[in-house]
């Protein structure tokens, strides 16, 4: 009788383990990598996305996040995503334009009237249309995170006008549009990965860079660059992308769950960003950085040639017009 009971108990535990394994096997895991610090608003928004996704899907889909370039640079993550070795990543639209050509429209300097105008474009027909621009390259866009506007920070002097950039080596992303912009200002564009930039500034490989306040602060670049000139030359959103190989493995219902979690995280991140932007400016000023707000008129005049070139492309000219007409 005792032997029978022991066998029954053992069988019960085996059945329980198999049931649990069955439950685990039903859970699909999405691997998401990015290059930002865990205190960044984008990472915090991704954490919320993971929490929401588990709730919305009834624990059928979970998110694993790999921050701080653990799986590579933005470009490397895109390439991993294309071959199906990574499911999702966050990249700047400036890097994405190498894979989704129409995205380069966002790299045009002084494209948006103000922050709200940029949101109206990104959340409207133009922005949604461009999220699917990379499908032929096995990339699908899911949403835009706020990355504020980019401005110059330098080691030796403030940038009060484009002429101040003459002869200066300025780090840029691997973006043809960004390279062209720095050239139009008279500077020497130097593509360097984000992870190598601090050392490059220290060693004098470049004289400065351009980015938004939180990135300037969280990267600790303010320890090397003591001048931050807020000209807000470009508004380059971050884009959350998923590989089409991954996306197509999910049912329509599961895709809707993922998209809902993404949309929630976008709203959350934009709120966090606004707070982080002001905190970053306050902190770099405390650290001894001189923050200035140069007149944008001369900067705008310097990039007219970029718009003239863009207008030669009918498709690009049409996108610019649609953006300008968005209220």
C-alpha atoms as a PDB file:
ATOM      1  CA  UNK A   1       0.000   0.000   0.000  1.00  0.00           C
ATOM      2  CA  UNK A   2       2.842   2.395   0.904  1.00  0.00           C
ATOM      3  CA  UNK A   3       4.586   1.530  -2.355  1.00  0.00           C
ATOM      4  CA  UNK A   4       1.376   2.310  -4.266  1.00  0.00           C
ATOM      5  CA  UNK A   5       1.066   5.702  -2.519  1.00  0.00           C
ATOM      6  CA  UNK A   6       4.716   6.540  -3.284  1.00  0.00           C
ATOM      7  CA  UNK A   7       4.188   5.647  -6.923  1.00  0.00           C
ATOM      8  CA  UNK A   8       1.034   7.791  -7.031  1.00  0.00           C
ATOM      9  CA  UNK A   9       2.821  10.794  -5.484  1.00  0.00           C
ATOM     10  CA  UNK A  10       5.771  10.377  -7.848  1.00  0.00           C
ATOM     11  CA  UNK A  11       3.416  10.201 -10.835  1.00  0.00           C
ATOM     12  CA  UNK A  12       1.627  13.324  -9.629  1.00  0.00           C
ATOM     13  CA  UNK A  13       4.899  15.309  -9.495  1.00  0.00           C
ATOM     14  CA  UNK A  14       5.959  14.067 -12.930  1.00  0.00           C
ATOM     15  CA  UNK A  15       2.578  15.195 -14.311  1.00  0.00           C
ATOM     16  CA  UNK A  16       2.954  18.585 -12.600  1.00  0.00           C
ATOM     17  CA  UNK A  17       6.416  19.095 -14.089  1.00  0.00           C
ATOM     18  CA  UNK A  18       5.171  18.210 -17.573  1.00  0.00           C
ATOM     19  CA  UNK A  19       2.258  20.634 -17.186  1.00  0.00           C
ATOM     20  CA  UNK A  20       4.637  23.413 -16.142  1.00  0.00           C
ATOM     21  CA  UNK A  21       6.929  22.630 -19.064  1.00  0.00           C
ATOM     22  CA  UNK A  22       3.905  22.775 -21.299  1.00  0.00           C
ATOM     23  CA  UNK A  23       3.005  26.206 -19.964  1.00  0.00           C
ATOM     24  CA  UNK A  24       6.595  27.416 -20.431  1.00  0.00           C
ATOM     25  CA  UNK A  25       6.699  26.097 -23.982  1.00  0.00           C
ATOM     26  CA  UNK A  26       3.563  28.115 -24.791  1.00  0.00           C
ATOM     27  CA  UNK A  27       5.348  31.343 -23.829  1.00  0.00           C
ATOM     28  CA  UNK A  28       7.041  33.114 -26.723  1.00  0.00           C
ATOM     29  CA  UNK A  29      10.068  35.260 -25.910  1.00  0.00           C
ATOM     30  CA  UNK A  30      11.093  38.386 -27.789  1.00  0.00           C
ATOM     31  CA  UNK A  31      14.752  39.412 -27.500  1.00  0.00           C
ATOM     32  CA  UNK A  32      15.203  43.190 -27.634  1.00  0.00           C
ATOM     33  CA  UNK A  33      18.637  44.854 -27.658  1.00  0.00           C
ATOM     34  CA  UNK A  34      19.639  48.524 -27.555  1.00  0.00           C
ATOM     35  CA  UNK A  35      22.679  50.680 -26.824  1.00  0.00           C
ATOM     36  CA  UNK A  36      21.359  52.915 -24.049  1.00  0.00           C
ATOM     37  CA  UNK A  37      21.895  53.003 -20.293  1.00  0.00           C
ATOM     38  CA  UNK A  38      19.257  51.367 -18.074  1.00  0.00           C
ATOM     39  CA  UNK A  39      18.385  54.765 -16.584  1.00  0.00           C
ATOM     40  CA  UNK A  40      17.459  56.168 -20.015  1.00  0.00           C
ATOM     41  CA  UNK A  41      13.785  56.912 -20.675  1.00  0.00           C
ATOM     42  CA  UNK A  42      13.773  54.546 -23.677  1.00  0.00           C
ATOM     43  CA  UNK A  43      14.952  51.607 -21.557  1.00  0.00           C
ATOM     44  CA  UNK A  44      12.391  52.420 -18.856  1.00  0.00           C
ATOM     45  CA  UNK A  45       9.678  52.539 -21.525  1.00  0.00           C
ATOM     46  CA  UNK A  46      10.806  49.143 -22.789  1.00  0.00           C
ATOM     47  CA  UNK A  47      10.537  47.717 -19.286  1.00  0.00           C
ATOM     48  CA  UNK A  48       6.945  48.963 -19.196  1.00  0.00           C
ATOM     49  CA  UNK A  49       6.363  47.459 -22.621  1.00  0.00           C
ATOM     50  CA  UNK A  50       7.505  44.073 -21.332  1.00  0.00           C
ATOM     51  CA  UNK A  51       5.224  44.306 -18.305  1.00  0.00           C
ATOM     52  CA  UNK A  52       2.255  45.355 -20.439  1.00  0.00           C
ATOM     53  CA  UNK A  53       2.938  42.674 -23.028  1.00  0.00           C
ATOM     54  CA  UNK A  54       2.812  39.906 -20.427  1.00  0.00           C
ATOM     55  CA  UNK A  55      -0.500  41.252 -19.078  1.00  0.00           C
ATOM     56  CA  UNK A  56      -2.095  41.846 -22.479  1.00  0.00           C
ATOM     57  CA  UNK A  57      -1.039  38.443 -23.803  1.00  0.00           C
ATOM     58  CA  UNK A  58      -1.915  36.531 -20.624  1.00  0.00           C
ATOM     59  CA  UNK A  59       1.784  35.622 -20.178  1.00  0.00           C
ATOM     60  CA  UNK A  60       1.943  34.139 -23.673  1.00  0.00           C
ATOM     61  CA  UNK A  61       4.601  36.634 -24.814  1.00  0.00           C
ATOM     62  CA  UNK A  62       7.490  37.992 -22.761  1.00  0.00           C
ATOM     63  CA  UNK A  63      10.297  40.438 -23.438  1.00  0.00           C
ATOM     64  CA  UNK A  64      14.007  40.000 -22.716  1.00  0.00           C
ATOM     65  CA  UNK A  65      15.941  43.298 -22.836  1.00  0.00           C
ATOM     66  CA  UNK A  66      19.686  43.598 -23.480  1.00  0.00           C
ATOM     67  CA  UNK A  67      20.824  47.223 -22.885  1.00  0.00           C
ATOM     68  CA  UNK A  68      24.209  49.009 -23.098  1.00  0.00           C
ATOM     69  CA  UNK A  69      25.279  47.570 -26.481  1.00  0.00           C
ATOM     70  CA  UNK A  70      25.518  44.078 -24.986  1.00  0.00           C
ATOM     71  CA  UNK A  71      24.640  42.630 -28.380  1.00  0.00           C
ATOM     72  CA  UNK A  72      26.396  45.258 -30.497  1.00  0.00           C
ATOM     73  CA  UNK A  73      26.060  48.737 -31.973  1.00  0.00           C
ATOM     74  CA  UNK A  74      22.833  49.971 -33.549  1.00  0.00           C
ATOM     75  CA  UNK A  75      23.985  48.950 -37.016  1.00  0.00           C
ATOM     76  CA  UNK A  76      25.092  45.525 -35.779  1.00  0.00           C
ATOM     77  CA  UNK A  77      21.732  45.001 -34.055  1.00  0.00           C
ATOM     78  CA  UNK A  78      19.903  45.813 -37.287  1.00  0.00           C
ATOM     79  CA  UNK A  79      22.006  43.238 -39.116  1.00  0.00           C
ATOM     80  CA  UNK A  80      21.307  40.631 -36.412  1.00  0.00           C
ATOM     81  CA  UNK A  81      17.623  41.428 -36.722  1.00  0.00           C
ATOM     82  CA  UNK A  82      17.712  41.004 -40.506  1.00  0.00           C
ATOM     83  CA  UNK A  83      19.071  37.456 -40.261  1.00  0.00           C
ATOM     84  CA  UNK A  84      16.684  36.512 -37.466  1.00  0.00           C
ATOM     85  CA  UNK A  85      19.276  36.271 -34.666  1.00  0.00           C
ATOM     86  CA  UNK A  86      17.603  39.162 -32.808  1.00  0.00           C
ATOM     87  CA  UNK A  87      13.905  40.008 -32.630  1.00  0.00           C
ATOM     88  CA  UNK A  88      13.716  43.715 -31.826  1.00  0.00           C
ATOM     89  CA  UNK A  89      15.966  46.727 -31.411  1.00  0.00           C
ATOM     90  CA  UNK A  90      15.860  50.489 -31.010  1.00  0.00           C
ATOM     91  CA  UNK A  91      17.798  52.618 -33.456  1.00  0.00           C
ATOM     92  CA  UNK A  92      18.060  56.266 -34.299  1.00  0.00           C
ATOM     93  CA  UNK A  93      16.280  57.125 -37.508  1.00  0.00           C
ATOM     94  CA  UNK A  94      19.644  58.517 -38.670  1.00  0.00           C
ATOM     95  CA  UNK A  95      21.132  55.019 -38.683  1.00  0.00           C
ATOM     96  CA  UNK A  96      17.961  53.458 -40.073  1.00  0.00           C
ATOM     97  CA  UNK A  97      18.070  55.582 -43.217  1.00  0.00           C
ATOM     98  CA  UNK A  98      20.827  53.260 -44.498  1.00  0.00           C
ATOM     99  CA  UNK A  99      18.239  50.452 -44.517  1.00  0.00           C
ATOM    100  CA  UNK A 100      15.018  52.413 -45.141  1.00  0.00           C
ATOM    101  CA  UNK A 101      15.940  55.197 -47.609  1.00  0.00           C
ATOM    102  CA  UNK A 102      12.844  57.382 -47.203  1.00  0.00           C
ATOM    103  CA  UNK A 103      13.638  57.737 -43.490  1.00  0.00           C
ATOM    104  CA  UNK A 104      16.387  60.179 -44.463  1.00  0.00           C
ATOM    105  CA  UNK A 105      13.718  62.873 -44.707  1.00  0.00           C
ATOM    106  CA  UNK A 106      13.819  63.125 -40.894  1.00  0.00           C
ATOM    107  CA  UNK A 107      17.516  64.010 -41.088  1.00  0.00           C
ATOM    108  CA  UNK A 108      16.783  67.258 -42.920  1.00  0.00           C
ATOM    109  CA  UNK A 109      17.789  70.138 -40.618  1.00  0.00           C
ATOM    110  CA  UNK A 110      15.028  72.343 -39.185  1.00  0.00           C
ATOM    111  CA  UNK A 111      12.323  70.172 -40.750  1.00  0.00           C
ATOM    112  CA  UNK A 112       9.748  70.594 -37.964  1.00  0.00           C
ATOM    113  CA  UNK A 113       8.201  73.797 -36.679  1.00  0.00           C
ATOM    114  CA  UNK A 114       8.214  72.601 -33.071  1.00  0.00           C
ATOM    115  CA  UNK A 115       7.991  69.459 -30.931  1.00  0.00           C
ATOM    116  CA  UNK A 116       4.216  69.078 -31.297  1.00  0.00           C
ATOM    117  CA  UNK A 117       4.504  69.339 -35.066  1.00  0.00           C
ATOM    118  CA  UNK A 118       7.038  66.473 -35.028  1.00  0.00           C
ATOM    119  CA  UNK A 119       4.649  64.293 -32.982  1.00  0.00           C
ATOM    120  CA  UNK A 120       1.773  65.075 -35.345  1.00  0.00           C
ATOM    121  CA  UNK A 121       3.897  63.935 -38.286  1.00  0.00           C
ATOM    122  CA  UNK A 122       5.290  60.817 -36.592  1.00  0.00           C
ATOM    123  CA  UNK A 123       1.881  59.682 -35.322  1.00  0.00           C
ATOM    124  CA  UNK A 124       0.116  60.618 -38.544  1.00  0.00           C
ATOM    125  CA  UNK A 125      -0.017  59.140 -42.067  1.00  0.00           C
ATOM    126  CA  UNK A 126       3.551  60.088 -43.034  1.00  0.00           C
ATOM    127  CA  UNK A 127       5.112  58.583 -39.922  1.00  0.00           C
ATOM    128  CA  UNK A 128       3.047  55.402 -40.130  1.00  0.00           C
ATOM    129  CA  UNK A 129       3.850  54.996 -43.819  1.00  0.00           C
ATOM    130  CA  UNK A 130       7.583  55.243 -43.122  1.00  0.00           C
ATOM    131  CA  UNK A 131       7.447  52.576 -40.412  1.00  0.00           C
ATOM    132  CA  UNK A 132       6.869  50.062 -43.216  1.00  0.00           C
ATOM    133  CA  UNK A 133       9.605  51.529 -45.398  1.00  0.00           C
ATOM    134  CA  UNK A 134      12.157  48.885 -44.364  1.00  0.00           C
ATOM    135  CA  UNK A 135      10.020  45.789 -45.024  1.00  0.00           C
ATOM    136  CA  UNK A 136      11.967  44.986 -48.203  1.00  0.00           C
ATOM    137  CA  UNK A 137      15.045  44.896 -45.954  1.00  0.00           C
ATOM    138  CA  UNK A 138      13.366  42.543 -43.417  1.00  0.00           C
ATOM    139  CA  UNK A 139      12.655  45.401 -40.986  1.00  0.00           C
ATOM    140  CA  UNK A 140       9.281  46.595 -39.700  1.00  0.00           C
ATOM    141  CA  UNK A 141       8.886  49.758 -37.640  1.00  0.00           C
ATOM    142  CA  UNK A 142       6.570  49.625 -34.637  1.00  0.00           C
ATOM    143  CA  UNK A 143       6.739  53.116 -33.157  1.00  0.00           C
ATOM    144  CA  UNK A 144       8.725  56.279 -32.514  1.00  0.00           C
ATOM    145  CA  UNK A 145      10.324  57.217 -29.196  1.00  0.00           C
ATOM    146  CA  UNK A 146      11.083  60.851 -28.481  1.00  0.00           C
ATOM    147  CA  UNK A 147      14.782  61.680 -28.813  1.00  0.00           C
ATOM    148  CA  UNK A 148      14.352  65.426 -28.606  1.00  0.00           C
ATOM    149  CA  UNK A 149      16.456  67.654 -30.821  1.00  0.00           C
ATOM    150  CA  UNK A 150      20.162  67.460 -31.502  1.00  0.00           C
ATOM    151  CA  UNK A 151      22.594  70.293 -30.766  1.00  0.00           C
ATOM    152  CA  UNK A 152      26.373  70.753 -30.721  1.00  0.00           C
ATOM    153  CA  UNK A 153      28.675  70.120 -27.771  1.00  0.00           C
ATOM    154  CA  UNK A 154      32.345  70.931 -28.075  1.00  0.00           C
ATOM    155  CA  UNK A 155      35.606  70.961 -26.133  1.00  0.00           C
ATOM    156  CA  UNK A 156      37.200  74.336 -26.877  1.00  0.00           C
ATOM    157  CA  UNK A 157      34.520  76.905 -27.763  1.00  0.00           C
ATOM    158  CA  UNK A 158      30.765  77.396 -28.160  1.00  0.00           C
ATOM    159  CA  UNK A 159      29.148  77.154 -31.592  1.00  0.00           C
ATOM    160  CA  UNK A 160      27.385  80.483 -32.033  1.00  0.00           C
ATOM    161  CA  UNK A 161      27.204  80.337 -35.838  1.00  0.00           C
ATOM    162  CA  UNK A 162      28.042  77.870 -38.630  1.00  0.00           C
ATOM    163  CA  UNK A 163      31.391  79.605 -39.175  1.00  0.00           C
ATOM    164  CA  UNK A 164      32.499  78.414 -35.716  1.00  0.00           C
ATOM    165  CA  UNK A 165      32.444  74.838 -37.037  1.00  0.00           C
ATOM    166  CA  UNK A 166      34.973  75.533 -39.795  1.00  0.00           C
ATOM    167  CA  UNK A 167      37.847  73.087 -39.525  1.00  0.00           C
ATOM    168  CA  UNK A 168      36.324  71.262 -36.542  1.00  0.00           C
ATOM    169  CA  UNK A 169      35.967  67.487 -36.538  1.00  0.00           C
ATOM    170  CA  UNK A 170      32.431  66.679 -35.396  1.00  0.00           C
ATOM    171  CA  UNK A 171      31.262  63.157 -34.632  1.00  0.00           C
ATOM    172  CA  UNK A 172      28.172  62.098 -36.542  1.00  0.00           C
ATOM    173  CA  UNK A 173      26.181  58.897 -36.881  1.00  0.00           C
ATOM    174  CA  UNK A 174      26.585  56.724 -39.962  1.00  0.00           C
ATOM    175  CA  UNK A 175      24.025  58.897 -41.697  1.00  0.00           C
ATOM    176  CA  UNK A 176      24.599  60.395 -45.167  1.00  0.00           C
ATOM    177  CA  UNK A 177      22.222  63.244 -44.324  1.00  0.00           C
ATOM    178  CA  UNK A 178      24.050  64.083 -41.073  1.00  0.00           C
ATOM    179  CA  UNK A 179      27.389  64.041 -42.908  1.00  0.00           C
ATOM    180  CA  UNK A 180      26.027  66.392 -45.551  1.00  0.00           C
ATOM    181  CA  UNK A 181      24.618  68.736 -42.871  1.00  0.00           C
ATOM    182  CA  UNK A 182      27.945  69.115 -41.041  1.00  0.00           C
ATOM    183  CA  UNK A 183      29.671  69.816 -44.352  1.00  0.00           C
ATOM    184  CA  UNK A 184      27.093  72.517 -45.132  1.00  0.00           C
ATOM    185  CA  UNK A 185      27.991  74.170 -41.814  1.00  0.00           C
ATOM    186  CA  UNK A 186      31.703  74.083 -42.707  1.00  0.00           C
ATOM    187  CA  UNK A 187      32.672  71.310 -40.307  1.00  0.00           C
ATOM    188  CA  UNK A 188      34.407  67.991 -40.891  1.00  0.00           C
ATOM    189  CA  UNK A 189      31.951  65.107 -40.217  1.00  0.00           C
ATOM    190  CA  UNK A 190      33.526  62.046 -38.586  1.00  0.00           C
ATOM    191  CA  UNK A 191      31.379  58.888 -38.186  1.00  0.00           C
ATOM    192  CA  UNK A 192      32.200  57.137 -34.897  1.00  0.00           C
ATOM    193  CA  UNK A 193      30.134  54.578 -32.972  1.00  0.00           C
ATOM    194  CA  UNK A 194      28.420  55.848 -29.828  1.00  0.00           C
ATOM    195  CA  UNK A 195      30.345  53.466 -27.586  1.00  0.00           C
ATOM    196  CA  UNK A 196      33.714  54.809 -28.795  1.00  0.00           C
ATOM    197  CA  UNK A 197      32.842  58.503 -28.635  1.00  0.00           C
ATOM    198  CA  UNK A 198      33.920  59.313 -25.047  1.00  0.00           C
ATOM    199  CA  UNK A 199      37.466  58.065 -25.685  1.00  0.00           C
ATOM    200  CA  UNK A 200      37.540  59.771 -29.098  1.00  0.00           C
ATOM    201  CA  UNK A 201      36.681  63.102 -27.464  1.00  0.00           C
ATOM    202  CA  UNK A 202      39.303  62.587 -24.766  1.00  0.00           C
ATOM    203  CA  UNK A 203      42.025  61.712 -27.256  1.00  0.00           C
ATOM    204  CA  UNK A 204      41.180  64.521 -29.671  1.00  0.00           C
ATOM    205  CA  UNK A 205      40.041  62.257 -32.499  1.00  0.00           C
ATOM    206  CA  UNK A 206      37.075  64.653 -32.728  1.00  0.00           C
ATOM    207  CA  UNK A 207      36.558  68.170 -31.395  1.00  0.00           C
ATOM    208  CA  UNK A 208      32.910  67.721 -30.563  1.00  0.00           C
ATOM    209  CA  UNK A 209      29.661  65.952 -31.313  1.00  0.00           C
ATOM    210  CA  UNK A 210      25.933  66.620 -31.543  1.00  0.00           C
ATOM    211  CA  UNK A 211      23.109  65.056 -29.602  1.00  0.00           C
ATOM    212  CA  UNK A 212      20.183  65.665 -27.273  1.00  0.00           C
ATOM    213  CA  UNK A 213      20.553  66.718 -23.585  1.00  0.00           C
ATOM    214  CA  UNK A 214      19.898  63.304 -21.931  1.00  0.00           C
ATOM    215  CA  UNK A 215      22.405  61.585 -24.210  1.00  0.00           C
ATOM    216  CA  UNK A 216      24.990  64.304 -23.554  1.00  0.00           C
ATOM    217  CA  UNK A 217      24.467  63.894 -19.804  1.00  0.00           C
ATOM    218  CA  UNK A 218      24.093  60.109 -19.427  1.00  0.00           C
ATOM    219  CA  UNK A 219      27.130  59.454 -21.635  1.00  0.00           C
ATOM    220  CA  UNK A 220      29.188  61.726 -19.342  1.00  0.00           C
ATOM    221  CA  UNK A 221      30.489  63.531 -22.419  1.00  0.00           C
ATOM    222  CA  UNK A 222      30.058  66.745 -20.424  1.00  0.00           C
ATOM    223  CA  UNK A 223      33.194  65.730 -18.515  1.00  0.00           C
ATOM    224  CA  UNK A 224      35.170  66.403 -21.703  1.00  0.00           C
ATOM    225  CA  UNK A 225      33.009  68.939 -23.567  1.00  0.00           C
ATOM    226  CA  UNK A 226      32.292  72.102 -21.606  1.00  0.00           C
ATOM    227  CA  UNK A 227      30.222  73.935 -24.239  1.00  0.00           C
ATOM    228  CA  UNK A 228      26.689  72.986 -25.254  1.00  0.00           C
ATOM    229  CA  UNK A 229      25.195  75.165 -28.010  1.00  0.00           C
ATOM    230  CA  UNK A 230      21.482  74.445 -28.353  1.00  0.00           C
ATOM    231  CA  UNK A 231      20.699  75.180 -31.988  1.00  0.00           C
ATOM    232  CA  UNK A 232      18.307  72.194 -32.289  1.00  0.00           C
ATOM    233  CA  UNK A 233      19.344  71.517 -35.876  1.00  0.00           C
ATOM    234  CA  UNK A 234      17.630  68.147 -36.225  1.00  0.00           C
ATOM    235  CA  UNK A 235      14.840  66.177 -34.593  1.00  0.00           C
ATOM    236  CA  UNK A 236      15.735  62.516 -35.079  1.00  0.00           C
ATOM    237  CA  UNK A 237      13.343  60.165 -33.300  1.00  0.00           C
ATOM    238  CA  UNK A 238      14.348  56.731 -32.093  1.00  0.00           C
ATOM    239  CA  UNK A 239      12.533  53.942 -33.899  1.00  0.00           C
ATOM    240  CA  UNK A 240      11.542  50.624 -32.353  1.00  0.00           C
ATOM    241  CA  UNK A 241      11.860  47.954 -35.029  1.00  0.00           C
ATOM    242  CA  UNK A 242      11.169  44.235 -35.297  1.00  0.00           C
ATOM    243  CA  UNK A 243      12.483  41.738 -37.841  1.00  0.00           C
ATOM    244  CA  UNK A 244       9.903  40.640 -40.385  1.00  0.00           C
ATOM    245  CA  UNK A 245      10.944  37.020 -39.786  1.00  0.00           C
ATOM    246  CA  UNK A 246       9.925  37.443 -36.154  1.00  0.00           C
ATOM    247  CA  UNK A 247       6.792  39.498 -36.897  1.00  0.00           C
ATOM    248  CA  UNK A 248       5.467  36.956 -39.379  1.00  0.00           C
ATOM    249  CA  UNK A 249       5.758  34.151 -36.819  1.00  0.00           C
ATOM    250  CA  UNK A 250       3.005  35.761 -34.774  1.00  0.00           C
ATOM    251  CA  UNK A 251      -0.720  35.524 -35.418  1.00  0.00           C
ATOM    252  CA  UNK A 252      -2.759  38.667 -36.149  1.00  0.00           C
ATOM    253  CA  UNK A 253      -3.997  38.621 -32.556  1.00  0.00           C
ATOM    254  CA  UNK A 254      -0.467  38.348 -31.168  1.00  0.00           C
ATOM    255  CA  UNK A 255       0.721  41.150 -33.450  1.00  0.00           C
ATOM    256  CA  UNK A 256      -2.062  43.328 -32.067  1.00  0.00           C
ATOM    257  CA  UNK A 257      -0.925  42.550 -28.503  1.00  0.00           C
ATOM    258  CA  UNK A 258       2.648  43.550 -29.354  1.00  0.00           C
ATOM    259  CA  UNK A 259       1.547  46.751 -31.068  1.00  0.00           C
ATOM    260  CA  UNK A 260      -0.662  47.733 -28.115  1.00  0.00           C
ATOM    261  CA  UNK A 261       2.231  47.265 -25.684  1.00  0.00           C
ATOM    262  CA  UNK A 262       4.483  49.321 -27.980  1.00  0.00           C
ATOM    263  CA  UNK A 263       1.933  52.141 -28.238  1.00  0.00           C
ATOM    264  CA  UNK A 264       1.626  52.267 -24.444  1.00  0.00           C
ATOM    265  CA  UNK A 265       5.394  52.448 -24.081  1.00  0.00           C
ATOM    266  CA  UNK A 266       5.638  55.311 -26.598  1.00  0.00           C
ATOM    267  CA  UNK A 267       3.205  57.443 -24.579  1.00  0.00           C
ATOM    268  CA  UNK A 268       5.063  56.581 -21.368  1.00  0.00           C
ATOM    269  CA  UNK A 269       8.501  57.326 -22.829  1.00  0.00           C
ATOM    270  CA  UNK A 270       7.518  60.739 -24.141  1.00  0.00           C
ATOM    271  CA  UNK A 271       6.418  61.785 -20.656  1.00  0.00           C
ATOM    272  CA  UNK A 272       9.665  60.493 -19.142  1.00  0.00           C
ATOM    273  CA  UNK A 273      11.693  62.208 -21.858  1.00  0.00           C
ATOM    274  CA  UNK A 274      10.336  65.669 -21.083  1.00  0.00           C
ATOM    275  CA  UNK A 275      11.405  65.297 -17.443  1.00  0.00           C
ATOM    276  CA  UNK A 276      14.780  63.752 -18.347  1.00  0.00           C
ATOM    277  CA  UNK A 277      15.583  66.544 -20.788  1.00  0.00           C
ATOM    278  CA  UNK A 278      15.255  69.276 -18.156  1.00  0.00           C
ATOM    279  CA  UNK A 279      17.086  67.232 -15.518  1.00  0.00           C
ATOM    280  CA  UNK A 280      19.966  66.645 -17.938  1.00  0.00           C
ATOM    281  CA  UNK A 281      20.344  70.363 -18.681  1.00  0.00           C
ATOM    282  CA  UNK A 282      20.281  71.188 -14.977  1.00  0.00           C
ATOM    283  CA  UNK A 283      22.954  68.589 -14.210  1.00  0.00           C
ATOM    284  CA  UNK A 284      25.405  69.556 -16.965  1.00  0.00           C
ATOM    285  CA  UNK A 285      25.146  73.209 -15.920  1.00  0.00           C
ATOM    286  CA  UNK A 286      25.954  72.160 -12.346  1.00  0.00           C
ATOM    287  CA  UNK A 287      28.976  70.298 -13.730  1.00  0.00           C
ATOM    288  CA  UNK A 288      30.336  73.509 -15.247  1.00  0.00           C
ATOM    289  CA  UNK A 289      29.058  73.293 -18.831  1.00  0.00           C
ATOM    290  CA  UNK A 290      28.282  76.600 -20.542  1.00  0.00           C
ATOM    291  CA  UNK A 291      24.872  76.233 -22.199  1.00  0.00           C
ATOM    292  CA  UNK A 292      24.026  78.768 -24.904  1.00  0.00           C
ATOM    293  CA  UNK A 293      21.166  79.319 -27.362  1.00  0.00           C
ATOM    294  CA  UNK A 294      22.555  80.669 -30.664  1.00  0.00           C
ATOM    295  CA  UNK A 295      20.422  82.442 -33.265  1.00  0.00           C
ATOM    296  CA  UNK A 296      19.219  79.761 -35.682  1.00  0.00           C
ATOM    297  CA  UNK A 297      18.885  82.091 -38.692  1.00  0.00           C
ATOM    298  CA  UNK A 298      22.387  81.541 -40.107  1.00  0.00           C
ATOM    299  CA  UNK A 299      22.165  77.808 -39.485  1.00  0.00           C
ATOM    300  CA  UNK A 300      18.906  77.640 -41.436  1.00  0.00           C
ATOM    301  CA  UNK A 301      20.427  79.629 -44.306  1.00  0.00           C
ATOM    302  CA  UNK A 302      23.425  77.285 -44.459  1.00  0.00           C
ATOM    303  CA  UNK A 303      21.316  74.201 -45.173  1.00  0.00           C
ATOM    304  CA  UNK A 304      19.323  75.569 -48.119  1.00  0.00           C
ATOM    305  CA  UNK A 305      21.513  73.544 -50.483  1.00  0.00           C
ATOM    306  CA  UNK A 306      20.436  70.341 -48.704  1.00  0.00           C
ATOM    307  CA  UNK A 307      16.771  71.158 -49.381  1.00  0.00           C
ATOM    308  CA  UNK A 308      17.536  72.076 -52.995  1.00  0.00           C
ATOM    309  CA  UNK A 309      19.149  68.671 -53.450  1.00  0.00           C
ATOM    310  CA  UNK A 310      16.236  66.924 -51.710  1.00  0.00           C
ATOM    311  CA  UNK A 311      13.764  68.600 -54.066  1.00  0.00           C
ATOM    312  CA  UNK A 312      15.537  67.016 -57.055  1.00  0.00           C
ATOM    313  CA  UNK A 313      14.096  63.703 -55.826  1.00  0.00           C
ATOM    314  CA  UNK A 314      10.341  63.837 -56.532  1.00  0.00           C
ATOM    315  CA  UNK A 315       9.528  61.303 -53.822  1.00  0.00           C
ATOM    316  CA  UNK A 316      11.570  63.179 -51.226  1.00  0.00           C
ATOM    317  CA  UNK A 317      10.128  66.521 -52.316  1.00  0.00           C
ATOM    318  CA  UNK A 318       6.640  65.080 -51.861  1.00  0.00           C
ATOM    319  CA  UNK A 319       7.436  63.868 -48.341  1.00  0.00           C
ATOM    320  CA  UNK A 320       8.846  67.260 -47.349  1.00  0.00           C
ATOM    321  CA  UNK A 321       5.718  68.981 -48.652  1.00  0.00           C
ATOM    322  CA  UNK A 322       3.411  66.588 -46.763  1.00  0.00           C
ATOM    323  CA  UNK A 323       5.376  67.172 -43.562  1.00  0.00           C
ATOM    324  CA  UNK A 324       5.270  70.928 -43.975  1.00  0.00           C
ATOM    325  CA  UNK A 325       1.506  70.792 -44.614  1.00  0.00           C
ATOM    326  CA  UNK A 326       0.856  68.694 -41.474  1.00  0.00           C
ATOM    327  CA  UNK A 327      -0.789  70.847 -38.822  1.00  0.00           C
END
